PDB file of N, CA and C in Angstrom:
ATOM      1  N   MET A   1      73.028 -86.477   1.580  1.00  0.00           N
ATOM      2  CA  MET A   1      73.199 -85.589   0.455  1.00  0.00           C
ATOM      3  C   MET A   1      72.223 -85.953  -0.664  1.00  0.00           C
ATOM      4  N   LEU A   2      72.072 -87.239  -0.920  1.00  0.00           N
ATOM      5  CA  LEU A   2      71.140 -87.644  -1.966  1.00  0.00           C
ATOM      6  C   LEU A   2      69.710 -87.253  -1.616  1.00  0.00           C
ATOM      7  N   ALA A   3      69.354 -87.425  -0.351  1.00  0.00           N
ATOM      8  CA  ALA A   3      67.998 -87.075   0.068  1.00  0.00           C
ATOM      9  C   ALA A   3      67.792 -85.565   0.017  1.00  0.00           C
ATOM     10  N   GLN A   4      68.814 -84.811   0.367  1.00  0.00           N
ATOM     11  CA  GLN A   4      68.702 -83.356   0.380  1.00  0.00           C
ATOM     12  C   GLN A   4      68.548 -82.790  -1.029  1.00  0.00           C
ATOM     13  N   THR A   5      69.137 -83.455  -2.014  1.00  0.00           N
ATOM     14  CA  THR A   5      69.062 -82.947  -3.386  1.00  0.00           C
ATOM     15  C   THR A   5      67.886 -83.530  -4.149  1.00  0.00           C
ATOM     16  N   GLY A   6      67.092 -84.379  -3.493  1.00  0.00           N
ATOM     17  CA  GLY A   6      65.904 -84.924  -4.131  1.00  0.00           C
ATOM     18  C   GLY A   6      66.179 -86.101  -5.046  1.00  0.00           C
ATOM     19  N   GLN A   7      67.323 -86.729  -4.923  1.00  0.00           N
ATOM     20  CA  GLN A   7      67.655 -87.849  -5.795  1.00  0.00           C
ATOM     21  C   GLN A   7      67.061 -89.163  -5.294  1.00  0.00           C
ATOM     22  N   LEU A   8      66.628 -89.195  -4.048  1.00  0.00           N
ATOM     23  CA  LEU A   8      65.948 -90.376  -3.523  1.00  0.00           C
ATOM     24  C   LEU A   8      64.451 -90.105  -3.570  1.00  0.00           C
ATOM     25  N   ARG A   9      63.743 -90.903  -4.338  1.00  0.00           N
ATOM     26  CA  ARG A   9      62.320 -90.652  -4.540  1.00  0.00           C
ATOM     27  C   ARG A   9      61.432 -91.530  -3.647  1.00  0.00           C
ATOM     28  N   GLN A  10      62.018 -92.529  -3.009  1.00  0.00           N
ATOM     29  CA  GLN A  10      61.246 -93.426  -2.147  1.00  0.00           C
ATOM     30  C   GLN A  10      62.124 -93.890  -1.001  1.00  0.00           C
ATOM     31  N   LYS A  11      61.538 -94.639  -0.085  1.00  0.00           N
ATOM     32  CA  LYS A  11      62.322 -95.169   1.028  1.00  0.00           C
ATOM     33  C   LYS A  11      63.387 -96.113   0.494  1.00  0.00           C
ATOM     34  N   VAL A  12      64.526 -96.103   1.153  1.00  0.00           N
ATOM     35  CA  VAL A  12      65.640 -96.945   0.741  1.00  0.00           C
ATOM     36  C   VAL A  12      65.634 -98.212   1.593  1.00  0.00           C
ATOM     37  N   THR A  13      65.699 -99.352   0.921  1.00  0.00           N
ATOM     38  CA  THR A  13      65.753-100.619   1.646  1.00  0.00           C
ATOM     39  C   THR A  13      67.174-100.844   2.156  1.00  0.00           C
ATOM     40  N   GLU A  14      67.313-101.832   3.022  1.00  0.00           N
ATOM     41  CA  GLU A  14      68.627-102.130   3.589  1.00  0.00           C
ATOM     42  C   GLU A  14      69.605-102.560   2.491  1.00  0.00           C
ATOM     43  N   ASP A  15      69.131-103.380   1.554  1.00  0.00           N
ATOM     44  CA  ASP A  15      70.000-103.834   0.461  1.00  0.00           C
ATOM     45  C   ASP A  15      70.425-102.669  -0.431  1.00  0.00           C
ATOM     46  N   GLN A  16      69.503-101.756  -0.705  1.00  0.00           N
ATOM     47  CA  GLN A  16      69.844-100.588  -1.518  1.00  0.00           C
ATOM     48  C   GLN A  16      70.869 -99.717  -0.801  1.00  0.00           C
ATOM     49  N   LEU A  17      70.717 -99.582   0.506  1.00  0.00           N
ATOM     50  CA  LEU A  17      71.658 -98.786   1.291  1.00  0.00           C
ATOM     51  C   LEU A  17      73.050 -99.413   1.257  1.00  0.00           C
ATOM     52  N   LYS A  18      73.109-100.738   1.391  1.00  0.00           N
ATOM     53  CA  LYS A  18      74.396-101.432   1.321  1.00  0.00           C
ATOM     54  C   LYS A  18      75.061-101.213  -0.035  1.00  0.00           C
ATOM     55  N   ASP A  19      74.276-101.349  -1.109  1.00  0.00           N
ATOM     56  CA  ASP A  19      74.818-101.135  -2.453  1.00  0.00           C
ATOM     57  C   ASP A  19      75.323 -99.710  -2.622  1.00  0.00           C
ATOM     58  N   LEU A  20      74.578 -98.765  -2.093  1.00  0.00           N
ATOM     59  CA  LEU A  20      74.955 -97.356  -2.191  1.00  0.00           C
ATOM     60  C   LEU A  20      76.252 -97.086  -1.438  1.00  0.00           C
ATOM     61  N   LEU A  21      76.362 -97.626  -0.230  1.00  0.00           N
ATOM     62  CA  LEU A  21      77.577 -97.435   0.564  1.00  0.00           C
ATOM     63  C   LEU A  21      78.780 -98.120  -0.081  1.00  0.00           C
ATOM     64  N   ASN A  22      78.576 -99.297  -0.664  1.00  0.00           N
ATOM     65  CA  ASN A  22      79.666 -99.980  -1.365  1.00  0.00           C
ATOM     66  C   ASN A  22      80.130 -99.173  -2.571  1.00  0.00           C
ATOM     67  N   ALA A  23      79.201 -98.569  -3.284  1.00  0.00           N
ATOM     68  CA  ALA A  23      79.559 -97.753  -4.444  1.00  0.00           C
ATOM     69  C   ALA A  23      80.362 -96.527  -4.015  1.00  0.00           C
ATOM     70  N   VAL A  24      79.972 -95.909  -2.917  1.00  0.00           N
ATOM     71  CA  VAL A  24      80.702 -94.743  -2.408  1.00  0.00           C
ATOM     72  C   VAL A  24      82.105 -95.152  -1.970  1.00  0.00           C
ATOM     73  N   ALA A  25      82.224 -96.283  -1.292  1.00  0.00           N
ATOM     74  CA  ALA A  25      83.533 -96.758  -0.835  1.00  0.00           C
ATOM     75  C   ALA A  25      84.437 -97.069  -2.021  1.00  0.00           C
ATOM     76  N   GLU A  26      83.892 -97.685  -3.051  1.00  0.00           N
ATOM     77  CA  GLU A  26      84.688 -98.011  -4.242  1.00  0.00           C
ATOM     78  C   GLU A  26      85.138 -96.734  -4.947  1.00  0.00           C
ATOM     79  N   ASN A  27      84.267 -95.757  -5.009  1.00  0.00           N
ATOM     80  CA  ASN A  27      84.618 -94.466  -5.613  1.00  0.00           C
ATOM     81  C   ASN A  27      85.760 -93.812  -4.854  1.00  0.00           C
ATOM     82  N   SER A  28      85.709 -93.883  -3.533  1.00  0.00           N
ATOM     83  CA  SER A  28      86.761 -93.289  -2.706  1.00  0.00           C
ATOM     84  C   SER A  28      88.095 -93.975  -2.951  1.00  0.00           C
ATOM     85  N   ARG A  29      88.071 -95.303  -3.083  1.00  0.00           N
ATOM     86  CA  ARG A  29      89.311 -96.050  -3.341  1.00  0.00           C
ATOM     87  C   ARG A  29      89.909 -95.655  -4.683  1.00  0.00           C
ATOM     88  N   LYS A  30      89.074 -95.493  -5.686  1.00  0.00           N
ATOM     89  CA  LYS A  30      89.563 -95.110  -7.016  1.00  0.00           C
ATOM     90  C   LYS A  30      90.188 -93.725  -6.977  1.00  0.00           C
ATOM     91  N   GLU A  31      89.575 -92.815  -6.243  1.00  0.00           N
ATOM     92  CA  GLU A  31      90.118 -91.461  -6.141  1.00  0.00           C
ATOM     93  C   GLU A  31      91.461 -91.469  -5.430  1.00  0.00           C
ATOM     94  N   GLU A  32      91.603 -92.312  -4.407  1.00  0.00           N
ATOM     95  CA  GLU A  32      92.879 -92.407  -3.688  1.00  0.00           C
ATOM     96  C   GLU A  32      93.969 -92.950  -4.602  1.00  0.00           C
ATOM     97  N   GLU A  33      93.629 -93.933  -5.434  1.00  0.00           N
ATOM     98  CA  GLU A  33      94.611 -94.505  -6.353  1.00  0.00           C
ATOM     99  C   GLU A  33      95.061 -93.474  -7.378  1.00  0.00           C
ATOM    100  N   GLU A  34      94.144 -92.628  -7.811  1.00  0.00           N
ATOM    101  CA  GLU A  34      94.477 -91.620  -8.810  1.00  0.00           C
ATOM    102  C   GLU A  34      95.380 -90.541  -8.239  1.00  0.00           C
ATOM    103  N   GLN A  35      95.392 -90.367  -6.930  1.00  0.00           N
ATOM    104  CA  GLN A  35      96.157 -89.296  -6.311  1.00  0.00           C
ATOM    105  C   GLN A  35      97.536 -89.739  -5.850  1.00  0.00           C
ATOM    106  N   LYS A  36      97.933 -90.965  -6.151  1.00  0.00           N
ATOM    107  CA  LYS A  36      99.245 -91.444  -5.736  1.00  0.00           C
ATOM    108  C   LYS A  36     100.334 -90.725  -6.521  1.00  0.00           C
ATOM    109  N   VAL A  37     101.443 -90.488  -5.858  1.00  0.00           N
ATOM    110  CA  VAL A  37     102.596 -89.867  -6.492  1.00  0.00           C
ATOM    111  C   VAL A  37     103.631 -90.957  -6.744  1.00  0.00           C
ATOM    112  N   VAL A  38     104.095 -91.037  -7.974  1.00  0.00           N
ATOM    113  CA  VAL A  38     105.079 -92.047  -8.333  1.00  0.00           C
ATOM    114  C   VAL A  38     106.345 -91.334  -8.769  1.00  0.00           C
ATOM    115  N   PHE A  39     107.461 -91.706  -8.141  1.00  0.00           N
ATOM    116  CA  PHE A  39     108.747 -91.136  -8.503  1.00  0.00           C
ATOM    117  C   PHE A  39     109.449 -92.102  -9.437  1.00  0.00           C
ATOM    118  N   SER A  40     109.822 -91.641 -10.596  1.00  0.00           N
ATOM    119  CA  SER A  40     110.634 -92.470 -11.481  1.00  0.00           C
ATOM    120  C   SER A  40     111.974 -91.762 -11.618  1.00  0.00           C
ATOM    121  N   ARG A  41     112.973 -92.378 -11.064  1.00  0.00           N
ATOM    122  CA  ARG A  41     114.296 -91.758 -11.028  1.00  0.00           C
ATOM    123  C   ARG A  41     115.071 -92.137 -12.277  1.00  0.00           C
ATOM    124  N   ARG A  42     115.767 -91.151 -12.789  1.00  0.00           N
ATOM    125  CA  ARG A  42     116.586 -91.396 -13.971  1.00  0.00           C
ATOM    126  C   ARG A  42     117.896 -92.054 -13.570  1.00  0.00           C
ATOM    127  N   LYS A  43     118.307 -92.996 -14.348  1.00  0.00           N
ATOM    128  CA  LYS A  43     119.612 -93.602 -14.113  1.00  0.00           C
ATOM    129  C   LYS A  43     120.628 -92.756 -14.861  1.00  0.00           C
ATOM    130  N   GLY A  44     121.767 -92.612 -14.251  1.00  0.00           N
ATOM    131  CA  GLY A  44     122.756 -91.791 -14.924  1.00  0.00           C
ATOM    132  C   GLY A  44     123.864 -91.395 -13.988  1.00  0.00           C
ATOM    133  N   GLY A  45     124.107 -90.124 -13.896  1.00  0.00           N
ATOM    134  CA  GLY A  45     125.249 -89.578 -13.193  1.00  0.00           C
ATOM    135  C   GLY A  45     125.339 -89.914 -11.725  1.00  0.00           C
ATOM    136  N   TRP A  46     124.246 -90.260 -11.080  1.00  0.00           N
ATOM    137  CA  TRP A  46     124.281 -90.494  -9.638  1.00  0.00           C
ATOM    138  C   TRP A  46     124.568 -91.952  -9.295  1.00  0.00           C
ATOM    139  N   ASP A  47     124.504 -92.835 -10.254  1.00  0.00           N
ATOM    140  CA  ASP A  47     124.675 -94.262  -9.970  1.00  0.00           C
ATOM    141  C   ASP A  47     126.068 -94.606  -9.458  1.00  0.00           C
ATOM    142  N   ASP A  48     127.106 -93.897  -9.920  1.00  0.00           N
ATOM    143  CA  ASP A  48     128.468 -94.270  -9.551  1.00  0.00           C
ATOM    144  C   ASP A  48     128.848 -93.805  -8.146  1.00  0.00           C
ATOM    145  N   ASP A  49     128.034 -93.019  -7.477  1.00  0.00           N
ATOM    146  CA  ASP A  49     128.346 -92.570  -6.118  1.00  0.00           C
ATOM    147  C   ASP A  49     128.390 -93.741  -5.139  1.00  0.00           C
ATOM    148  N   ASP A  50     127.553 -94.729  -5.331  1.00  0.00           N
ATOM    149  CA  ASP A  50     127.535 -95.886  -4.440  1.00  0.00           C
ATOM    150  C   ASP A  50     128.838 -96.670  -4.535  1.00  0.00           C
ATOM    151  N   ASP A  51     129.433 -96.703  -5.698  1.00  0.00           N
ATOM    152  CA  ASP A  51     130.693 -97.431  -5.879  1.00  0.00           C
ATOM    153  C   ASP A  51     131.811 -96.792  -5.063  1.00  0.00           C
ATOM    154  N   ASP A  52     131.789 -95.486  -4.883  1.00  0.00           N
ATOM    155  CA  ASP A  52     132.822 -94.796  -4.115  1.00  0.00           C
ATOM    156  C   ASP A  52     132.820 -95.248  -2.657  1.00  0.00           C
ATOM    157  N   LEU A  53     131.657 -95.562  -2.118  1.00  0.00           N
ATOM    158  CA  LEU A  53     131.561 -95.985  -0.725  1.00  0.00           C
ATOM    159  C   LEU A  53     132.170 -97.372  -0.519  1.00  0.00           C
ATOM    160  N   LEU A  54     132.166 -98.180  -1.545  1.00  0.00           N
ATOM    161  CA  LEU A  54     132.721 -99.528  -1.426  1.00  0.00           C
ATOM    162  C   LEU A  54     134.244 -99.507  -1.346  1.00  0.00           C
ATOM    163  N   ASP A  55     134.867 -98.440  -1.833  1.00  0.00           N
ATOM    164  CA  ASP A  55     136.324 -98.338  -1.840  1.00  0.00           C
ATOM    165  C   ASP A  55     136.896 -97.999  -0.465  1.00  0.00           C
ATOM    166  N   LEU A  56     136.065 -97.610   0.492  1.00  0.00           N
ATOM    167  CA  LEU A  56     136.558 -97.191   1.810  1.00  0.00           C
ATOM    168  C   LEU A  56     137.112 -98.299   2.603  1.00  0.00           C
TER     169      LEU A  56
END
């Protein structure tokens, strides 16, 4: 993609390629972390239901 858009102006060395791939991998990890869904449940009316099961 970089070569197709003209962002690479010269040959890429092996070290540059490694750095580029590491940057892409890190970007992907950050995007995955941002897309996590976190459920925060409210405490309240549902808490006492568990106590009813103990009475059986």
